[in-house]
Amino acid sequence: MSEEGPGRDWSAAEKSAYRRLVRAHHPDFGGDPDTFAAELARFHARREAPRDDIVFVTKRRGLGRIVDAVSTRRRKRRRPPRVH
């Protein structure tokens, strides 16, 4: 499925849990609409809860850092082509 939450794709386990939830509680298949809405809200709240992922951000050192600085500066200075 497409990204819905804070930048995450659905894993196979999340997809199967979502499908089981819909099959069990959807009003078109004999489920209660209120129960379905509550379970769906609970599913999305649990899925969108912040995760404790550790992200390492490293700065390049030495020549790599200089190259990054120069290329960033050149990108900022470029102008769009003139159109006549």
PDB file of N, CA and C in Angstrom:
ATOM      1  N   MET A   1       0.839  -1.179   0.000  1.00  0.00           N
ATOM      2  CA  MET A   1       0.000   0.000   0.000  1.00  0.00           C
ATOM      3  C   MET A   1       0.877   1.233   0.000  1.00  0.00           C
ATOM      4  N   SER A   2       0.307   2.336  -0.283  1.00  0.00           N
ATOM      5  CA  SER A   2       1.083   3.565  -0.320  1.00  0.00           C
ATOM      6  C   SER A   2       1.361   4.063   1.091  1.00  0.00           C
ATOM      7  N   GLU A   3       2.260   5.001   1.162  1.00  0.00           N
ATOM      8  CA  GLU A   3       2.593   5.565   2.463  1.00  0.00           C
ATOM      9  C   GLU A   3       1.400   6.320   3.005  1.00  0.00           C
ATOM     10  N   GLU A   4       1.108   6.105   4.257  1.00  0.00           N
ATOM     11  CA  GLU A   4      -0.031   6.796   4.843  1.00  0.00           C
ATOM     12  C   GLU A   4       0.403   7.556   6.083  1.00  0.00           C
ATOM     13  N   GLY A   5       1.179   6.898   6.917  1.00  0.00           N
ATOM     14  CA  GLY A   5       1.590   7.494   8.172  1.00  0.00           C
ATOM     15  C   GLY A   5       2.807   8.375   8.000  1.00  0.00           C
ATOM     16  N   PRO A   6       3.567   8.486   9.064  1.00  0.00           N
ATOM     17  CA  PRO A   6       4.748   9.343   9.014  1.00  0.00           C
ATOM     18  C   PRO A   6       5.891   8.693   8.248  1.00  0.00           C
ATOM     19  N   GLY A   7       5.709   8.587   6.946  1.00  0.00           N
ATOM     20  CA  GLY A   7       6.790   8.100   6.120  1.00  0.00           C
ATOM     21  C   GLY A   7       7.059   6.619   6.166  1.00  0.00           C
ATOM     22  N   ARG A   8       6.119   5.834   6.461  1.00  0.00           N
ATOM     23  CA  ARG A   8       6.325   4.389   6.543  1.00  0.00           C
ATOM     24  C   ARG A   8       5.464   3.659   5.526  1.00  0.00           C
ATOM     25  N   ASP A   9       6.032   2.591   4.961  1.00  0.00           N
ATOM     26  CA  ASP A   9       5.259   1.687   4.130  1.00  0.00           C
ATOM     27  C   ASP A   9       4.682   0.605   5.019  1.00  0.00           C
ATOM     28  N   TRP A  10       3.652  -0.052   4.528  1.00  0.00           N
ATOM     29  CA  TRP A  10       3.012  -1.112   5.298  1.00  0.00           C
ATOM     30  C   TRP A  10       3.825  -2.384   5.160  1.00  0.00           C
ATOM     31  N   SER A  11       4.084  -3.047   6.263  1.00  0.00           N
ATOM     32  CA  SER A  11       4.760  -4.342   6.210  1.00  0.00           C
ATOM     33  C   SER A  11       3.734  -5.411   5.873  1.00  0.00           C
ATOM     34  N   ALA A  12       4.208  -6.608   5.567  1.00  0.00           N
ATOM     35  CA  ALA A  12       3.307  -7.714   5.228  1.00  0.00           C
ATOM     36  C   ALA A  12       2.409  -8.060   6.417  1.00  0.00           C
ATOM     37  N   ALA A  13       2.949  -7.997   7.633  1.00  0.00           N
ATOM     38  CA  ALA A  13       2.162  -8.301   8.828  1.00  0.00           C
ATOM     39  C   ALA A  13       1.062  -7.258   9.040  1.00  0.00           C
ATOM     40  N   GLU A  14       1.381  -5.986   8.786  1.00  0.00           N
ATOM     41  CA  GLU A  14       0.373  -4.928   8.934  1.00  0.00           C
ATOM     42  C   GLU A  14      -0.732  -5.063   7.891  1.00  0.00           C
ATOM     43  N   LYS A  15      -0.351  -5.431   6.672  1.00  0.00           N
ATOM     44  CA  LYS A  15      -1.357  -5.629   5.624  1.00  0.00           C
ATOM     45  C   LYS A  15      -2.308  -6.751   5.982  1.00  0.00           C
ATOM     46  N   SER A  16      -1.757  -7.869   6.441  1.00  0.00           N
ATOM     47  CA  SER A  16      -2.625  -9.005   6.765  1.00  0.00           C
ATOM     48  C   SER A  16      -3.507  -8.696   7.977  1.00  0.00           C
ATOM     49  N   ALA A  17      -2.973  -7.974   8.964  1.00  0.00           N
ATOM     50  CA  ALA A  17      -3.784  -7.601  10.129  1.00  0.00           C
ATOM     51  C   ALA A  17      -4.920  -6.661   9.717  1.00  0.00           C
ATOM     52  N   TYR A  18      -4.623  -5.727   8.830  1.00  0.00           N
ATOM     53  CA  TYR A  18      -5.644  -4.797   8.347  1.00  0.00           C
ATOM     54  C   TYR A  18      -6.735  -5.544   7.587  1.00  0.00           C
ATOM     55  N   ARG A  19      -6.338  -6.478   6.733  1.00  0.00           N
ATOM     56  CA  ARG A  19      -7.329  -7.248   5.967  1.00  0.00           C
ATOM     57  C   ARG A  19      -8.190  -8.116   6.875  1.00  0.00           C
ATOM     58  N   ARG A  20      -7.572  -8.733   7.892  1.00  0.00           N
ATOM     59  CA  ARG A  20      -8.349  -9.530   8.855  1.00  0.00           C
ATOM     60  C   ARG A  20      -9.354  -8.647   9.585  1.00  0.00           C
ATOM     61  N   LEU A  21      -8.924  -7.461   9.975  1.00  0.00           N
ATOM     62  CA  LEU A  21      -9.808  -6.524  10.670  1.00  0.00           C
ATOM     63  C   LEU A  21     -11.004  -6.148   9.797  1.00  0.00           C
ATOM     64  N   VAL A  22     -10.742  -5.831   8.543  1.00  0.00           N
ATOM     65  CA  VAL A  22     -11.816  -5.428   7.638  1.00  0.00           C
ATOM     66  C   VAL A  22     -12.771  -6.586   7.389  1.00  0.00           C
ATOM     67  N   ARG A  23     -12.230  -7.785   7.159  1.00  0.00           N
ATOM     68  CA  ARG A  23     -13.103  -8.940   6.914  1.00  0.00           C
ATOM     69  C   ARG A  23     -13.980  -9.255   8.116  1.00  0.00           C
ATOM     70  N   ALA A  24     -13.443  -9.074   9.300  1.00  0.00           N
ATOM     71  CA  ALA A  24     -14.181  -9.442  10.512  1.00  0.00           C
ATOM     72  C   ALA A  24     -15.250  -8.419  10.895  1.00  0.00           C
ATOM     73  N   HIS A  25     -15.008  -7.132  10.653  1.00  0.00           N
ATOM     74  CA  HIS A  25     -15.896  -6.105  11.202  1.00  0.00           C
ATOM     75  C   HIS A  25     -16.573  -5.202  10.176  1.00  0.00           C
ATOM     76  N   HIS A  26     -16.323  -5.374   8.888  1.00  0.00           N
ATOM     77  CA  HIS A  26     -16.886  -4.454   7.897  1.00  0.00           C
ATOM     78  C   HIS A  26     -18.406  -4.596   7.832  1.00  0.00           C
ATOM     79  N   PRO A  27     -19.136  -3.479   7.792  1.00  0.00           N
ATOM     80  CA  PRO A  27     -20.602  -3.526   7.759  1.00  0.00           C
ATOM     81  C   PRO A  27     -21.174  -4.245   6.528  1.00  0.00           C
ATOM     82  N   ASP A  28     -20.485  -4.224   5.409  1.00  0.00           N
ATOM     83  CA  ASP A  28     -20.970  -4.913   4.219  1.00  0.00           C
ATOM     84  C   ASP A  28     -20.955  -6.437   4.385  1.00  0.00           C
ATOM     85  N   PHE A  29     -20.193  -6.906   5.347  1.00  0.00           N
ATOM     86  CA  PHE A  29     -20.094  -8.345   5.593  1.00  0.00           C
ATOM     87  C   PHE A  29     -20.735  -8.732   6.921  1.00  0.00           C
ATOM     88  N   GLY A  30     -21.667  -7.938   7.380  1.00  0.00           N
ATOM     89  CA  GLY A  30     -22.421  -8.270   8.580  1.00  0.00           C
ATOM     90  C   GLY A  30     -21.858  -7.741   9.876  1.00  0.00           C
ATOM     91  N   GLY A  31     -20.870  -6.884   9.821  1.00  0.00           N
ATOM     92  CA  GLY A  31     -20.297  -6.315  11.037  1.00  0.00           C
ATOM     93  C   GLY A  31     -21.047  -5.067  11.478  1.00  0.00           C
ATOM     94  N   ASP A  32     -20.801  -4.666  12.703  1.00  0.00           N
ATOM     95  CA  ASP A  32     -21.428  -3.471  13.262  1.00  0.00           C
ATOM     96  C   ASP A  32     -20.637  -2.237  12.821  1.00  0.00           C
ATOM     97  N   PRO A  33     -21.284  -1.216  12.257  1.00  0.00           N
ATOM     98  CA  PRO A  33     -20.560  -0.024  11.794  1.00  0.00           C
ATOM     99  C   PRO A  33     -19.802   0.702  12.900  1.00  0.00           C
ATOM    100  N   ASP A  34     -20.368   0.767  14.093  1.00  0.00           N
ATOM    101  CA  ASP A  34     -19.693   1.455  15.203  1.00  0.00           C
ATOM    102  C   ASP A  34     -18.447   0.699  15.642  1.00  0.00           C
ATOM    103  N   THR A  35     -18.571  -0.615  15.729  1.00  0.00           N
ATOM    104  CA  THR A  35     -17.418  -1.441  16.101  1.00  0.00           C
ATOM    105  C   THR A  35     -16.334  -1.331  15.043  1.00  0.00           C
ATOM    106  N   PHE A  36     -16.741  -1.351  13.786  1.00  0.00           N
ATOM    107  CA  PHE A  36     -15.781  -1.251  12.691  1.00  0.00           C
ATOM    108  C   PHE A  36     -15.020   0.069  12.754  1.00  0.00           C
ATOM    109  N   ALA A  37     -15.737   1.168  12.960  1.00  0.00           N
ATOM    110  CA  ALA A  37     -15.092   2.481  13.035  1.00  0.00           C
ATOM    111  C   ALA A  37     -14.140   2.567  14.219  1.00  0.00           C
ATOM    112  N   ALA A  38     -14.548   2.018  15.359  1.00  0.00           N
ATOM    113  CA  ALA A  38     -13.696   2.055  16.552  1.00  0.00           C
ATOM    114  C   ALA A  38     -12.441   1.213  16.353  1.00  0.00           C
ATOM    115  N   GLU A  39     -12.601   0.010  15.797  1.00  0.00           N
ATOM    116  CA  GLU A  39     -11.443  -0.868  15.578  1.00  0.00           C
ATOM    117  C   GLU A  39     -10.492  -0.275  14.545  1.00  0.00           C
ATOM    118  N   LEU A  40     -11.049   0.340  13.508  1.00  0.00           N
ATOM    119  CA  LEU A  40     -10.223   0.957  12.481  1.00  0.00           C
ATOM    120  C   LEU A  40      -9.437   2.135  13.047  1.00  0.00           C
ATOM    121  N   ALA A  41     -10.080   2.943  13.883  1.00  0.00           N
ATOM    122  CA  ALA A  41      -9.384   4.067  14.518  1.00  0.00           C
ATOM    123  C   ALA A  41      -8.281   3.571  15.443  1.00  0.00           C
ATOM    124  N   ARG A  42      -8.560   2.500  16.187  1.00  0.00           N
ATOM    125  CA  ARG A  42      -7.551   1.927  17.079  1.00  0.00           C
ATOM    126  C   ARG A  42      -6.377   1.373  16.281  1.00  0.00           C
ATOM    127  N   PHE A  43      -6.663   0.721  15.149  1.00  0.00           N
ATOM    128  CA  PHE A  43      -5.602   0.172  14.308  1.00  0.00           C
ATOM    129  C   PHE A  43      -4.688   1.279  13.790  1.00  0.00           C
ATOM    130  N   HIS A  44      -5.278   2.361  13.270  1.00  0.00           N
ATOM    131  CA  HIS A  44      -4.476   3.450  12.723  1.00  0.00           C
ATOM    132  C   HIS A  44      -3.723   4.206  13.819  1.00  0.00           C
ATOM    133  N   ALA A  45      -4.307   4.349  14.989  1.00  0.00           N
ATOM    134  CA  ALA A  45      -3.606   5.025  16.092  1.00  0.00           C
ATOM    135  C   ALA A  45      -2.391   4.220  16.535  1.00  0.00           C
ATOM    136  N   ARG A  46      -2.556   2.911  16.596  1.00  0.00           N
ATOM    137  CA  ARG A  46      -1.444   2.046  17.000  1.00  0.00           C
ATOM    138  C   ARG A  46      -0.358   2.055  15.933  1.00  0.00           C
ATOM    139  N   ARG A  47      -0.767   2.098  14.679  1.00  0.00           N
ATOM    140  CA  ARG A  47       0.195   2.076  13.579  1.00  0.00           C
ATOM    141  C   ARG A  47       0.978   3.387  13.489  1.00  0.00           C
ATOM    142  N   GLU A  48       0.327   4.503  13.788  1.00  0.00           N
ATOM    143  CA  GLU A  48       0.965   5.812  13.665  1.00  0.00           C
ATOM    144  C   GLU A  48       1.704   6.244  14.925  1.00  0.00           C
ATOM    145  N   ALA A  49       1.745   5.395  15.924  1.00  0.00           N
ATOM    146  CA  ALA A  49       2.465   5.730  17.154  1.00  0.00           C
ATOM    147  C   ALA A  49       3.948   5.903  16.822  1.00  0.00           C
ATOM    148  N   PRO A  50       4.601   6.847  17.467  1.00  0.00           N
ATOM    149  CA  PRO A  50       6.015   7.064  17.168  1.00  0.00           C
ATOM    150  C   PRO A  50       6.855   5.839  17.524  1.00  0.00           C
ATOM    151  N   ARG A  51       7.770   5.531  16.634  1.00  0.00           N
ATOM    152  CA  ARG A  51       8.661   4.404  16.860  1.00  0.00           C
ATOM    153  C   ARG A  51       9.987   4.913  17.388  1.00  0.00           C
ATOM    154  N   ASP A  52      10.689   4.075  18.087  1.00  0.00           N
ATOM    155  CA  ASP A  52      11.966   4.456  18.669  1.00  0.00           C
ATOM    156  C   ASP A  52      13.116   3.993  17.775  1.00  0.00           C
ATOM    157  N   ASP A  53      13.094   4.415  16.517  1.00  0.00           N
ATOM    158  CA  ASP A  53      14.173   4.078  15.617  1.00  0.00           C
ATOM    159  C   ASP A  53      15.363   4.971  15.926  1.00  0.00           C
ATOM    160  N   ILE A  54      16.535   4.400  15.840  1.00  0.00           N
ATOM    161  CA  ILE A  54      17.756   5.166  16.039  1.00  0.00           C
ATOM    162  C   ILE A  54      18.289   5.525  14.664  1.00  0.00           C
ATOM    163  N   VAL A  55      18.559   6.800  14.482  1.00  0.00           N
ATOM    164  CA  VAL A  55      19.069   7.278  13.208  1.00  0.00           C
ATOM    165  C   VAL A  55      20.422   7.926  13.459  1.00  0.00           C
ATOM    166  N   PHE A  56      21.428   7.457  12.739  1.00  0.00           N
ATOM    167  CA  PHE A  56      22.754   8.027  12.854  1.00  0.00           C
ATOM    168  C   PHE A  56      22.957   9.021  11.717  1.00  0.00           C
ATOM    169  N   VAL A  57      23.339  10.225  12.072  1.00  0.00           N
ATOM    170  CA  VAL A  57      23.615  11.246  11.075  1.00  0.00           C
ATOM    171  C   VAL A  57      25.086  11.580  11.190  1.00  0.00           C
ATOM    172  N   THR A  58      25.779  11.413  10.090  1.00  0.00           N
ATOM    173  CA  THR A  58      27.213  11.685  10.119  1.00  0.00           C
ATOM    174  C   THR A  58      27.531  12.820   9.171  1.00  0.00           C
ATOM    175  N   LYS A  59      28.472  13.632   9.569  1.00  0.00           N
ATOM    176  CA  LYS A  59      28.947  14.697   8.703  1.00  0.00           C
ATOM    177  C   LYS A  59      30.214  14.207   8.032  1.00  0.00           C
ATOM    178  N   ARG A  60      30.316  14.537   6.774  1.00  0.00           N
ATOM    179  CA  ARG A  60      31.526  14.157   6.067  1.00  0.00           C
ATOM    180  C   ARG A  60      32.667  15.021   6.558  1.00  0.00           C
ATOM    181  N   ARG A  61      33.848  14.446   6.528  1.00  0.00           N
ATOM    182  CA  ARG A  61      35.025  15.178   7.000  1.00  0.00           C
ATOM    183  C   ARG A  61      36.016  15.346   5.870  1.00  0.00           C
ATOM    184  N   GLY A  62      36.892  16.295   6.049  1.00  0.00           N
ATOM    185  CA  GLY A  62      37.985  16.484   5.101  1.00  0.00           C
ATOM    186  C   GLY A  62      37.511  16.956   3.745  1.00  0.00           C
ATOM    187  N   LEU A  63      38.047  16.315   2.703  1.00  0.00           N
ATOM    188  CA  LEU A  63      37.789  16.712   1.332  1.00  0.00           C
ATOM    189  C   LEU A  63      36.310  16.523   0.959  1.00  0.00           C
ATOM    190  N   GLY A  64      35.683  15.485   1.486  1.00  0.00           N
ATOM    191  CA  GLY A  64      34.266  15.252   1.191  1.00  0.00           C
ATOM    192  C   GLY A  64      33.390  16.394   1.660  1.00  0.00           C
ATOM    193  N   ARG A  65      33.713  16.950   2.816  1.00  0.00           N
ATOM    194  CA  ARG A  65      32.951  18.073   3.354  1.00  0.00           C
ATOM    195  C   ARG A  65      33.113  19.310   2.479  1.00  0.00           C
ATOM    196  N   ILE A  66      34.339  19.522   2.000  1.00  0.00           N
ATOM    197  CA  ILE A  66      34.599  20.674   1.128  1.00  0.00           C
ATOM    198  C   ILE A  66      33.841  20.520  -0.186  1.00  0.00           C
ATOM    199  N   VAL A  67      33.849  19.312  -0.744  1.00  0.00           N
ATOM    200  CA  VAL A  67      33.136  19.059  -1.993  1.00  0.00           C
ATOM    201  C   VAL A  67      31.641  19.306  -1.804  1.00  0.00           C
ATOM    202  N   ASP A  68      31.076  18.847  -0.698  1.00  0.00           N
ATOM    203  CA  ASP A  68      29.660  19.085  -0.420  1.00  0.00           C
ATOM    204  C   ASP A  68      29.353  20.577  -0.330  1.00  0.00           C
ATOM    205  N   ALA A  69      30.212  21.330   0.347  1.00  0.00           N
ATOM    206  CA  ALA A  69      29.986  22.765   0.511  1.00  0.00           C
ATOM    207  C   ALA A  69      30.036  23.480  -0.831  1.00  0.00           C
ATOM    208  N   VAL A  70      31.001  23.117  -1.664  1.00  0.00           N
ATOM    209  CA  VAL A  70      31.130  23.768  -2.965  1.00  0.00           C
ATOM    210  C   VAL A  70      29.948  23.414  -3.862  1.00  0.00           C
ATOM    211  N   SER A  71      29.544  22.159  -3.880  1.00  0.00           N
ATOM    212  CA  SER A  71      28.429  21.774  -4.755  1.00  0.00           C
ATOM    213  C   SER A  71      27.120  22.399  -4.287  1.00  0.00           C
ATOM    214  N   THR A  72      26.933  22.534  -2.980  1.00  0.00           N
ATOM    215  CA  THR A  72      25.735  23.194  -2.467  1.00  0.00           C
ATOM    216  C   THR A  72      25.722  24.657  -2.874  1.00  0.00           C
ATOM    217  N   ARG A  73      26.854  25.294  -2.776  1.00  0.00           N
ATOM    218  CA  ARG A  73      26.949  26.708  -3.141  1.00  0.00           C
ATOM    219  C   ARG A  73      26.709  26.913  -4.630  1.00  0.00           C
ATOM    220  N   ARG A  74      27.242  26.003  -5.457  1.00  0.00           N
ATOM    221  CA  ARG A  74      27.044  26.115  -6.907  1.00  0.00           C
ATOM    222  C   ARG A  74      25.579  25.913  -7.267  1.00  0.00           C
ATOM    223  N   ARG A  75      24.915  24.980  -6.568  1.00  0.00           N
ATOM    224  CA  ARG A  75      23.499  24.743  -6.823  1.00  0.00           C
ATOM    225  C   ARG A  75      22.671  25.985  -6.510  1.00  0.00           C
ATOM    226  N   LYS A  76      23.029  26.683  -5.444  1.00  0.00           N
ATOM    227  CA  LYS A  76      22.287  27.883  -5.055  1.00  0.00           C
ATOM    228  C   LYS A  76      22.501  29.016  -6.045  1.00  0.00           C
ATOM    229  N   ARG A  77      23.690  29.082  -6.660  1.00  0.00           N
ATOM    230  CA  ARG A  77      24.018  30.187  -7.545  1.00  0.00           C
ATOM    231  C   ARG A  77      23.489  29.984  -8.952  1.00  0.00           C
ATOM    232  N   ARG A  78      23.119  28.777  -9.323  1.00  0.00           N
ATOM    233  CA  ARG A  78      22.637  28.546 -10.689  1.00  0.00           C
ATOM    234  C   ARG A  78      21.327  29.299 -10.909  1.00  0.00           C
ATOM    235  N   ARG A  79      21.198  29.801 -12.099  1.00  0.00           N
ATOM    236  CA  ARG A  79      19.999  30.541 -12.453  1.00  0.00           C
ATOM    237  C   ARG A  79      19.263  29.773 -13.532  1.00  0.00           C
ATOM    238  N   PRO A  80      17.968  29.939 -13.605  1.00  0.00           N
ATOM    239  CA  PRO A  80      17.217  29.247 -14.662  1.00  0.00           C
ATOM    240  C   PRO A  80      17.593  29.839 -16.031  1.00  0.00           C
ATOM    241  N   PRO A  81      17.410  29.088 -17.092  1.00  0.00           N
ATOM    242  CA  PRO A  81      17.766  29.597 -18.414  1.00  0.00           C
ATOM    243  C   PRO A  81      16.858  30.766 -18.817  1.00  0.00           C
ATOM    244  N   ARG A  82      17.429  31.668 -19.577  1.00  0.00           N
ATOM    245  CA  ARG A  82      16.655  32.814 -20.038  1.00  0.00           C
ATOM    246  C   ARG A  82      15.801  32.382 -21.217  1.00  0.00           C
ATOM    247  N   VAL A  83      14.580  32.827 -21.208  1.00  0.00           N
ATOM    248  CA  VAL A  83      13.654  32.491 -22.277  1.00  0.00           C
ATOM    249  C   VAL A  83      13.288  33.766 -23.004  1.00  0.00           C
ATOM    250  N   HIS A  84      13.414  33.745 -24.314  1.00  0.00           N
ATOM    251  CA  HIS A  84      13.084  34.925 -25.113  1.00  0.00           C
ATOM    252  C   HIS A  84      11.748  34.772 -25.748  1.00  0.00           C
TER     253      HIS A  84
END
